[in-house]
């Protein structure tokens, strides 16, 4: 069962209904070329790549600095030209620390990439398209960072009948996808066509929520001559941007528990991913930059930026006017599913869709109390789970019981934590429970 919430029902003025309007009309601007970048090694779901550079080595923009280490892995590329100064462990925006390559820029932005050749991208074979996507290090830009080439290569028995391009962007504040669809609708359509060809799909749908009607009209006009690509205007709901919810809303199919979109003949890709696919296949451009929304009441001049991977958050925040005196919460991604940060020194990664700064009132802590059995979390869970039962099992360390209650189906959307009057730490508990189960599974195997 999939359930969707009506959007913009936020309380207390922390996330007002007009939160997207702060940046929705602000064109994408190119951020200043960073003097130094620190590019984390782990930027894809699956096997991390392997660094192939060392301190003292000169690299150019787009040059490969880490090679894929397996089928569920992608390479990394330098985002500026300059000298690799060190391979070190740094704070990463997912939480904790991880290895990264630091590059000191020379300010020249010398490129190691250029034309992909005279070949018409639409004349490429399925295998050639997938190879270019992987070589360019393209992953899902909605935040999950799942390797795109892998999603386009399901087992033979799971044929993809259709492709769904995710333009819902249902998280509060974020407008990066909105601006991409509005400013580059032709590239979105071109990337969609290539994704269809790589997936072997005959149809494509582009799901856009109706708070982005201008983007919908731009995409509809760009695809007017193509009967196999259909933009769909969707009601504004949360968390409609999740794969299972989007599939249900557009093609009315339910992905089974523990299943994948390919199980129902669908493949889902983000709008930004579609543009990255087009750039990789048409120009041989690796994924070394992405659009990031900087917003929230805690930043002085919200904006949409085209940012090089590895740029420190603090650099982008400074270009956005800096933080306000009452800024207290910094989040990578949206406020519902994003990851809170403890330092502005963390770098932009491929999954950084937004940098959101919120005031003190957004961080008010709720002292945990006994569950009231009010049933609100059950009503809002988009997967039809009972978050209260999962939470109670996790609190007692009963990871096995949490799994029986459907923990693996939890998409960590934060809806249960938002409506709960007794505790706000559900998502942290669910994450820990999943880690504990993963450890147990690894130990058993």
Protein backbone atom coordinates (compact mmCIF):
# COMPACT_ATOMS: atom_id res chain seq x y z
CA UNK A 1 0.00 0.00 0.00
CA UNK A 2 1.26 3.49 -0.79
CA UNK A 3 -0.14 6.64 0.80
CA UNK A 4 0.63 10.26 0.00
CA UNK A 5 0.32 13.30 2.27
CA UNK A 6 -0.98 16.65 1.21
CA UNK A 7 1.97 19.01 1.07
CA UNK A 8 2.46 22.31 2.89
CA UNK A 9 0.66 21.40 6.11
CA UNK A 10 3.58 22.53 8.25
CA UNK A 11 3.09 23.83 11.75
CA UNK A 12 4.62 26.68 13.69
CA UNK A 13 5.80 28.68 10.68
CA UNK A 14 9.07 26.74 10.47
CA UNK A 15 8.26 25.47 6.96
CA UNK A 16 5.63 27.92 5.65
CA UNK A 17 3.56 27.02 2.57
CA UNK A 18 5.49 29.55 0.51
CA UNK A 19 8.89 28.01 1.34
CA UNK A 20 9.51 27.01 -2.29
CA UNK A 21 8.65 30.51 -3.49
CA UNK A 22 11.86 31.78 -1.92
CA UNK A 23 13.95 30.36 -4.77
CA UNK A 24 11.47 29.09 -7.39
CA UNK A 25 11.86 32.25 -9.51
CA UNK A 26 15.63 32.55 -9.07
CA UNK A 27 17.57 31.38 -12.17
CA UNK A 28 20.45 28.96 -11.76
CA UNK A 29 23.73 30.83 -11.28
CA UNK A 30 27.20 29.41 -11.69
CA UNK A 31 29.02 29.42 -8.37
CA UNK A 32 32.53 30.85 -8.22
CA UNK A 33 35.27 28.38 -9.06
CA UNK A 34 36.46 27.04 -5.69
CA UNK A 35 40.10 27.50 -4.71
CA UNK A 36 40.17 24.08 -3.06
CA UNK A 37 37.87 21.09 -3.36
CA UNK A 38 37.74 17.94 -1.28
CA UNK A 39 36.07 15.14 -3.19
CA UNK A 40 34.84 12.25 -1.00
CA UNK A 41 35.49 8.77 -2.30
CA UNK A 42 32.05 7.41 -1.40
CA UNK A 43 29.49 9.09 -3.64
CA UNK A 44 27.49 6.16 -4.92
CA UNK A 45 25.34 3.41 -3.47
CA UNK A 46 27.17 0.11 -3.82
CA UNK A 47 30.89 -0.54 -4.00
CA UNK A 48 33.03 2.60 -3.53
CA UNK A 49 35.53 3.34 -6.29
CA UNK A 50 39.34 3.28 -5.81
CA UNK A 51 41.50 6.38 -5.89
CA UNK A 52 44.00 6.36 -8.76
CA UNK A 53 45.76 9.66 -7.94
CA UNK A 54 48.32 10.61 -5.33
CA UNK A 55 49.63 13.76 -3.67
CA UNK A 56 51.55 16.03 -6.02
CA UNK A 57 49.74 14.87 -9.16
CA UNK A 58 48.32 17.48 -11.53
CA UNK A 59 44.76 16.88 -12.73
CA UNK A 60 42.42 18.66 -15.13
CA UNK A 61 38.72 19.29 -14.77
CA UNK A 62 36.83 16.13 -15.64
CA UNK A 63 39.87 13.88 -15.33
CA UNK A 64 39.22 10.53 -13.67
CA UNK A 65 40.63 10.43 -10.13
CA UNK A 66 38.99 7.19 -8.93
CA UNK A 67 38.04 4.10 -10.93
CA UNK A 68 34.97 1.94 -10.49
CA UNK A 69 35.56 -1.15 -8.37
CA UNK A 70 32.66 -3.33 -9.41
CA UNK A 71 29.36 -3.50 -11.31
CA UNK A 72 27.61 -1.34 -8.71
CA UNK A 73 30.28 1.35 -8.71
CA UNK A 74 31.14 4.46 -10.74
CA UNK A 75 34.30 6.52 -11.22
CA UNK A 76 35.00 9.95 -9.73
CA UNK A 77 36.35 12.95 -11.61
CA UNK A 78 38.24 16.10 -10.69
CA UNK A 79 35.92 19.10 -10.49
CA UNK A 80 38.66 21.71 -10.97
CA UNK A 81 42.12 21.72 -12.47
CA UNK A 82 45.06 21.83 -10.10
CA UNK A 83 47.27 19.71 -7.88
CA UNK A 84 46.19 16.86 -5.64
CA UNK A 85 47.57 17.94 -2.28
CA UNK A 86 46.54 14.95 -0.19
CA UNK A 87 44.27 11.96 0.28
CA UNK A 88 42.82 12.37 3.74
CA UNK A 89 39.89 11.56 6.01
CA UNK A 90 37.38 14.39 6.28
CA UNK A 91 33.86 15.04 7.64
CA UNK A 92 31.33 14.01 4.98
CA UNK A 93 27.74 15.28 4.70
CA UNK A 94 26.19 11.81 5.09
CA UNK A 95 27.47 11.77 8.67
CA UNK A 96 30.79 10.68 10.11
CA UNK A 97 34.03 10.83 8.17
CA UNK A 98 35.42 9.30 5.00
CA UNK A 99 38.40 9.39 2.62
CA UNK A 100 38.63 12.27 0.16
CA UNK A 101 41.02 13.74 -2.40
CA UNK A 102 41.94 17.37 -1.83
CA UNK A 103 42.74 19.38 -4.97
CA UNK A 104 44.22 22.88 -4.84
CA UNK A 105 43.00 24.73 -7.91
CA UNK A 106 45.17 26.67 -10.33
CA UNK A 107 42.28 28.90 -11.39
CA UNK A 108 42.58 27.85 -15.03
CA UNK A 109 39.81 25.23 -15.13
CA UNK A 110 41.67 23.28 -17.82
CA UNK A 111 39.40 20.54 -19.10
CA UNK A 112 40.11 16.90 -19.71
CA UNK A 113 36.76 16.40 -21.42
CA UNK A 114 35.29 17.74 -24.61
CA UNK A 115 33.31 16.55 -27.58
CA UNK A 116 32.14 12.96 -27.41
CA UNK A 117 32.86 12.72 -31.11
CA UNK A 118 30.78 13.34 -34.18
CA UNK A 119 28.44 10.45 -33.42
CA UNK A 120 24.82 11.44 -33.05
CA UNK A 121 23.95 10.54 -29.41
CA UNK A 122 20.65 9.08 -30.59
CA UNK A 123 22.50 6.78 -32.97
CA UNK A 124 24.40 5.17 -30.08
CA UNK A 125 23.53 1.61 -29.20
CA UNK A 126 22.04 0.71 -25.85
CA UNK A 127 25.40 -0.65 -24.70
CA UNK A 128 27.24 2.50 -25.81
CA UNK A 129 24.83 4.76 -23.94
CA UNK A 130 25.15 2.73 -20.75
CA UNK A 131 28.95 2.71 -21.07
CA UNK A 132 29.08 6.51 -21.45
CA UNK A 133 26.78 6.97 -18.48
CA UNK A 134 28.97 4.78 -16.31
CA UNK A 135 32.24 6.33 -17.52
CA UNK A 136 30.85 9.76 -16.66
CA UNK A 137 30.11 8.67 -13.09
CA UNK A 138 26.39 9.44 -13.35
CA UNK A 139 24.29 8.50 -10.31
CA UNK A 140 20.81 9.37 -9.13
CA UNK A 141 20.83 13.09 -8.34
CA UNK A 142 17.68 13.03 -6.25
CA UNK A 143 19.85 12.11 -3.25
CA UNK A 144 20.08 8.31 -3.33
CA UNK A 145 23.19 8.29 -5.58
CA UNK A 146 22.33 4.88 -7.02
CA UNK A 147 24.46 4.22 -10.15
CA UNK A 148 22.36 5.10 -13.18
CA UNK A 149 23.92 2.55 -15.51
CA UNK A 150 22.96 -0.23 -13.10
CA UNK A 151 19.31 0.89 -12.91
CA UNK A 152 19.21 0.80 -16.71
CA UNK A 153 20.47 -2.80 -16.77
CA UNK A 154 17.84 -4.94 -15.01
CA UNK A 155 17.89 -8.74 -15.35
CA UNK A 156 16.51 -9.99 -18.70
CA UNK A 157 13.35 -11.29 -17.03
CA UNK A 158 12.51 -7.79 -15.74
CA UNK A 159 11.84 -5.78 -18.88
CA UNK A 160 11.31 -2.05 -18.39
CA UNK A 161 8.10 -1.11 -20.15
CA UNK A 162 8.28 2.56 -19.22
CA UNK A 163 10.59 5.17 -17.81
CA UNK A 164 9.40 7.73 -15.25
CA UNK A 165 11.36 10.96 -14.91
CA UNK A 166 10.95 12.33 -11.40
CA UNK A 167 10.19 16.04 -11.47
CA UNK A 168 7.99 15.98 -8.36
CA UNK A 169 10.58 17.60 -6.07
CA UNK A 170 8.16 17.32 -3.16
CA UNK A 171 10.59 18.31 -0.38
CA UNK A 172 10.04 21.81 1.07
CA UNK A 173 12.45 24.55 -0.02
CA UNK A 174 14.11 22.62 -2.87
CA UNK A 175 13.75 24.10 -6.37
CA UNK A 176 16.84 22.80 -8.21
CA UNK A 177 14.83 20.37 -10.35
CA UNK A 178 12.16 23.00 -10.95
CA UNK A 179 14.73 25.39 -12.37
CA UNK A 180 16.36 22.68 -14.51
CA UNK A 181 13.01 21.82 -16.10
CA UNK A 182 12.22 25.48 -16.65
CA UNK A 183 15.62 26.55 -17.98
CA UNK A 184 16.72 23.39 -19.80
CA UNK A 185 13.57 21.51 -20.86
CA UNK A 186 15.17 20.43 -24.15
CA UNK A 187 18.03 18.75 -22.30
CA UNK A 188 15.59 17.03 -19.95
CA UNK A 189 13.74 15.60 -22.96
CA UNK A 190 16.96 14.65 -24.76
CA UNK A 191 18.22 12.85 -21.66
CA UNK A 192 14.85 11.12 -21.31
CA UNK A 193 15.09 9.83 -24.88
CA UNK A 194 18.54 8.40 -24.22
CA UNK A 195 17.36 6.80 -20.97
CA UNK A 196 14.45 5.21 -22.84
CA UNK A 197 16.82 3.83 -25.46
CA UNK A 198 19.20 2.46 -22.83
CA UNK A 199 16.32 0.91 -20.87
CA UNK A 200 14.58 -0.51 -23.93
CA UNK A 201 11.39 1.27 -22.83
CA UNK A 202 8.74 2.38 -25.30
CA UNK A 203 7.10 5.00 -23.11
CA UNK A 204 8.25 7.74 -20.78
CA UNK A 205 6.36 9.86 -18.29
CA UNK A 206 7.64 13.01 -16.63
CA UNK A 207 5.89 13.57 -13.30
CA UNK A 208 5.71 17.22 -12.23
CA UNK A 209 3.73 18.51 -9.26
CA UNK A 210 1.28 21.30 -10.01
CA UNK A 211 3.12 23.87 -7.90
CA UNK A 212 5.56 23.92 -10.85
CA UNK A 213 3.13 24.64 -13.69
CA UNK A 214 5.63 26.84 -15.54
CA UNK A 215 8.09 23.94 -15.61
CA UNK A 216 5.33 21.58 -16.73
CA UNK A 217 4.45 23.89 -19.63
CA UNK A 218 8.12 24.19 -20.64
CA UNK A 219 8.59 20.40 -20.63
CA UNK A 220 5.26 19.85 -22.41
CA UNK A 221 6.27 22.26 -25.17
CA UNK A 222 9.71 20.64 -25.52
CA UNK A 223 8.15 17.19 -25.87
CA UNK A 224 5.17 18.21 -28.02
CA UNK A 225 6.44 16.40 -31.11
CA UNK A 226 7.11 13.15 -29.25
CA UNK A 227 4.11 10.90 -28.75
CA UNK A 228 6.07 8.47 -26.57
CA UNK A 229 6.99 11.06 -23.90
CA UNK A 230 4.14 12.34 -21.73
CA UNK A 231 4.47 15.02 -19.04
CA UNK A 232 2.03 14.37 -16.18
CA UNK A 233 0.78 17.12 -13.89
CA UNK A 234 0.44 15.73 -10.36
CA UNK A 235 -1.31 17.01 -7.27
CA UNK A 236 1.06 18.43 -4.66
CA UNK A 237 1.69 15.64 -2.17
CA UNK A 238 4.44 14.40 0.10
CA UNK A 239 6.40 12.13 -0.33
CA UNK A 240 5.41 11.80 -3.98
CA UNK A 241 9.02 12.03 -5.13
CA UNK A 242 9.75 8.56 -3.73
CA UNK A 243 9.97 5.87 -6.41
CA UNK A 244 7.15 3.67 -5.20
CA UNK A 245 4.79 6.58 -4.63
CA UNK A 246 5.57 8.11 -8.04
CA UNK A 247 5.00 4.80 -9.81
CA UNK A 248 1.68 4.41 -8.03
CA UNK A 249 0.61 7.96 -8.90
CA UNK A 250 1.53 7.74 -12.60
CA UNK A 251 1.06 4.16 -13.79
CA UNK A 252 -1.10 2.85 -10.92
CA UNK A 253 1.20 -0.07 -10.14
CA UNK A 254 2.24 -1.21 -6.68
CA UNK A 255 5.86 -2.25 -6.14
CA UNK A 256 5.72 -5.35 -3.90
CA UNK A 257 7.33 -5.28 -0.42
CA UNK A 258 11.04 -5.84 -0.81
CA UNK A 259 10.70 -5.31 -4.55
CA UNK A 260 12.13 -2.82 -7.02
CA UNK A 261 10.48 -0.64 -9.68
CA UNK A 262 11.72 -3.08 -12.33
CA UNK A 263 9.43 -5.71 -10.78
CA UNK A 264 6.46 -3.76 -12.17
CA UNK A 265 8.14 -2.82 -15.45
CA UNK A 266 9.09 0.72 -14.51
CA UNK A 267 12.36 2.58 -14.17
CA UNK A 268 12.61 5.90 -12.30
CA UNK A 269 15.25 8.57 -12.89
CA UNK A 270 15.61 12.09 -11.53
CA UNK A 271 15.34 15.22 -13.71
CA UNK A 272 18.93 16.17 -12.92
CA UNK A 273 20.05 12.66 -13.80
CA UNK A 274 18.37 12.98 -17.21
CA UNK A 275 20.33 16.17 -17.89
CA UNK A 276 23.57 14.50 -16.74
CA UNK A 277 22.87 11.56 -19.10
CA UNK A 278 22.45 13.98 -22.00
CA UNK A 279 25.70 15.79 -21.16
CA UNK A 280 27.60 12.51 -20.84
CA UNK A 281 26.37 11.11 -24.16
CA UNK A 282 26.40 14.30 -26.23
CA UNK A 283 29.56 15.98 -24.92
CA UNK A 284 31.42 13.32 -22.94
CA UNK A 285 31.02 15.48 -19.82
CA UNK A 286 31.61 13.67 -16.51
CA UNK A 287 29.44 14.44 -13.51
CA UNK A 288 31.60 16.95 -11.66
CA UNK A 289 28.99 19.64 -10.93
CA UNK A 290 25.32 19.82 -10.04
CA UNK A 291 22.55 22.30 -9.22
CA UNK A 292 22.07 22.98 -5.50
CA UNK A 293 19.32 25.01 -3.82
CA UNK A 294 20.52 27.11 -0.88
CA UNK A 295 17.52 28.26 1.11
CA UNK A 296 15.78 28.50 4.47
CA UNK A 297 15.15 31.32 6.92
CA UNK A 298 18.69 30.89 8.21
CA UNK A 299 20.44 32.08 5.03
CA UNK A 300 20.50 35.73 3.95
CA UNK A 301 20.25 35.42 0.15
CA UNK A 302 18.74 32.10 -1.00
CA UNK A 303 19.73 30.98 -4.48
CA UNK A 304 20.04 28.13 -6.96
CA UNK A 305 23.68 27.43 -7.79
CA UNK A 306 25.55 25.26 -10.27
CA UNK A 307 28.25 23.98 -7.95
CA UNK A 308 31.43 21.94 -8.46
CA UNK A 309 31.53 18.67 -6.52
CA UNK A 310 33.84 19.00 -3.52
CA UNK A 311 33.09 22.68 -2.90
CA UNK A 312 32.82 23.33 0.87
CA UNK A 313 29.33 24.19 2.10
CA UNK A 314 30.74 27.35 3.68
CA UNK A 315 31.83 28.67 0.27
CA UNK A 316 28.33 28.34 -1.17
CA UNK A 317 26.75 29.77 1.96
CA UNK A 318 29.06 32.79 1.77
CA UNK A 319 28.03 33.34 -1.85
CA UNK A 320 24.44 33.22 -0.61
CA UNK A 321 25.00 36.11 1.77
CA UNK A 322 26.04 34.01 4.76
CA UNK A 323 24.00 32.68 7.66
CA UNK A 324 21.62 34.82 9.71
CA UNK A 325 22.38 35.37 13.43
CA UNK A 326 19.59 32.98 14.46
CA UNK A 327 20.61 30.15 12.12
CA UNK A 328 20.74 26.97 14.19
CA UNK A 329 20.14 24.02 11.88
CA UNK A 330 22.00 23.14 8.69
CA UNK A 331 20.68 20.33 6.50
CA UNK A 332 21.92 18.65 3.34
CA UNK A 333 18.85 17.92 1.22
CA UNK A 334 15.32 18.81 2.23
CA UNK A 335 14.12 19.34 5.82
CA UNK A 336 12.09 16.10 5.83
CA UNK A 337 14.61 13.55 4.55
CA UNK A 338 17.83 15.51 4.65
CA UNK A 339 20.84 14.98 6.93
CA UNK A 340 21.69 17.50 9.65
CA UNK A 341 25.24 18.84 9.57
CA UNK A 342 27.55 19.77 12.40
CA UNK A 343 30.03 21.79 10.33
CA UNK A 344 30.02 23.94 7.20
CA UNK A 345 33.35 22.39 6.18
CA UNK A 346 31.63 19.38 4.61
CA UNK A 347 31.81 19.29 0.78
CA UNK A 348 29.07 19.26 -1.83
CA UNK A 349 28.64 15.72 -3.18
CA UNK A 350 26.67 14.27 -6.08
CA UNK A 351 23.67 13.75 -3.80
CA UNK A 352 23.55 17.34 -2.50
CA UNK A 353 20.23 18.63 -3.81
CA UNK A 354 20.05 21.42 -1.27
CA UNK A 355 21.69 23.19 1.63
CA UNK A 356 18.97 24.36 4.02
CA UNK A 357 19.60 26.65 7.00
CA UNK A 358 16.84 27.01 9.58
CA UNK A 359 16.45 29.16 12.71
CA UNK A 360 16.44 28.09 16.35
CA UNK A 361 12.68 27.41 16.41
CA UNK A 362 13.20 24.56 13.94
CA UNK A 363 15.50 22.74 16.35
CA UNK A 364 13.27 22.76 19.42
CA UNK A 365 13.65 19.40 21.08
CA UNK A 366 10.72 17.35 22.31
CA UNK A 367 11.36 15.41 25.51
CA UNK A 368 10.58 11.76 24.68
CA UNK A 369 7.44 10.47 26.34
CA UNK A 370 5.44 7.27 26.25
CA UNK A 371 3.52 6.69 23.04
CA UNK A 372 0.00 8.15 23.22
CA UNK A 373 -1.44 5.57 20.81
CA UNK A 374 -2.97 8.46 18.88
CA UNK A 375 -2.47 6.68 15.55
CA UNK A 376 -1.24 9.76 13.68
CA UNK A 377 1.98 8.07 12.56
CA UNK A 378 -0.02 5.15 11.21
CA UNK A 379 -2.26 7.51 9.24
CA UNK A 380 0.59 9.41 7.59
CA UNK A 381 3.05 6.59 6.85
CA UNK A 382 3.28 6.43 3.04
CA UNK A 383 4.13 2.72 3.20
CA UNK A 384 1.19 1.77 5.42
CA UNK A 385 3.46 0.71 8.30
CA UNK A 386 3.00 1.15 12.04
CA UNK A 387 5.91 3.44 12.96
CA UNK A 388 5.02 3.31 16.67
CA UNK A 389 5.55 -0.46 16.77
CA UNK A 390 8.83 -0.21 14.86
CA UNK A 391 10.00 2.56 17.16
CA UNK A 392 9.16 0.62 20.33
CA UNK A 393 10.96 -2.47 19.06
CA UNK A 394 14.02 -0.38 18.16
CA UNK A 395 14.02 1.36 21.56
CA UNK A 396 14.26 -2.05 23.23
CA UNK A 397 16.98 -3.24 20.86
CA UNK A 398 14.66 -5.78 19.29
CA UNK A 399 16.00 -5.32 15.77
CA UNK A 400 14.47 -8.62 14.64
CA UNK A 401 11.03 -7.51 15.81
CA UNK A 402 11.43 -4.14 14.09
CA UNK A 403 12.14 -6.03 10.87
CA UNK A 404 9.01 -8.14 11.35
CA UNK A 405 7.02 -4.92 11.63
CA UNK A 406 8.31 -3.80 8.20
CA UNK A 407 11.47 -1.82 8.99
CA UNK A 408 13.03 -2.63 5.61
CA UNK A 409 10.06 -0.99 3.86
CA UNK A 410 10.57 2.28 5.77
CA UNK A 411 11.73 4.98 3.34
CA UNK A 412 12.79 7.36 6.16
CA UNK A 413 10.57 10.15 4.85
CA UNK A 414 10.18 11.69 8.32
CA UNK A 415 6.39 11.98 8.19
CA UNK A 416 5.95 9.97 11.40
CA UNK A 417 8.50 12.08 13.27
CA UNK A 418 6.82 15.24 12.06
CA UNK A 419 3.37 14.41 13.44
CA UNK A 420 4.50 12.67 16.63
CA UNK A 421 3.84 14.61 19.83
CA UNK A 422 6.04 12.42 22.01
CA UNK A 423 9.32 11.91 20.19
CA UNK A 424 11.25 13.20 17.19
CA UNK A 425 13.99 10.58 17.05
CA UNK A 426 12.16 7.88 15.10
CA UNK A 427 14.24 8.21 11.96
CA UNK A 428 17.51 7.97 13.89
CA UNK A 429 16.19 4.83 15.58
CA UNK A 430 15.16 3.32 12.24
CA UNK A 431 18.55 4.05 10.74
CA UNK A 432 20.30 2.44 13.70
CA UNK A 433 18.02 -0.59 13.54
CA UNK A 434 18.81 -1.04 9.84
CA UNK A 435 22.53 -0.80 10.56
CA UNK A 436 22.26 -3.35 13.35
CA UNK A 437 20.39 -5.75 11.08
CA UNK A 438 22.98 -5.24 8.36
CA UNK A 439 25.77 -6.02 10.82
CA UNK A 440 23.96 -9.14 11.96
CA UNK A 441 23.42 -10.25 8.38
CA UNK A 442 27.10 -9.71 7.54
CA UNK A 443 28.17 -11.62 10.64
CA UNK A 444 25.92 -14.57 9.77
CA UNK A 445 27.16 -14.73 6.17
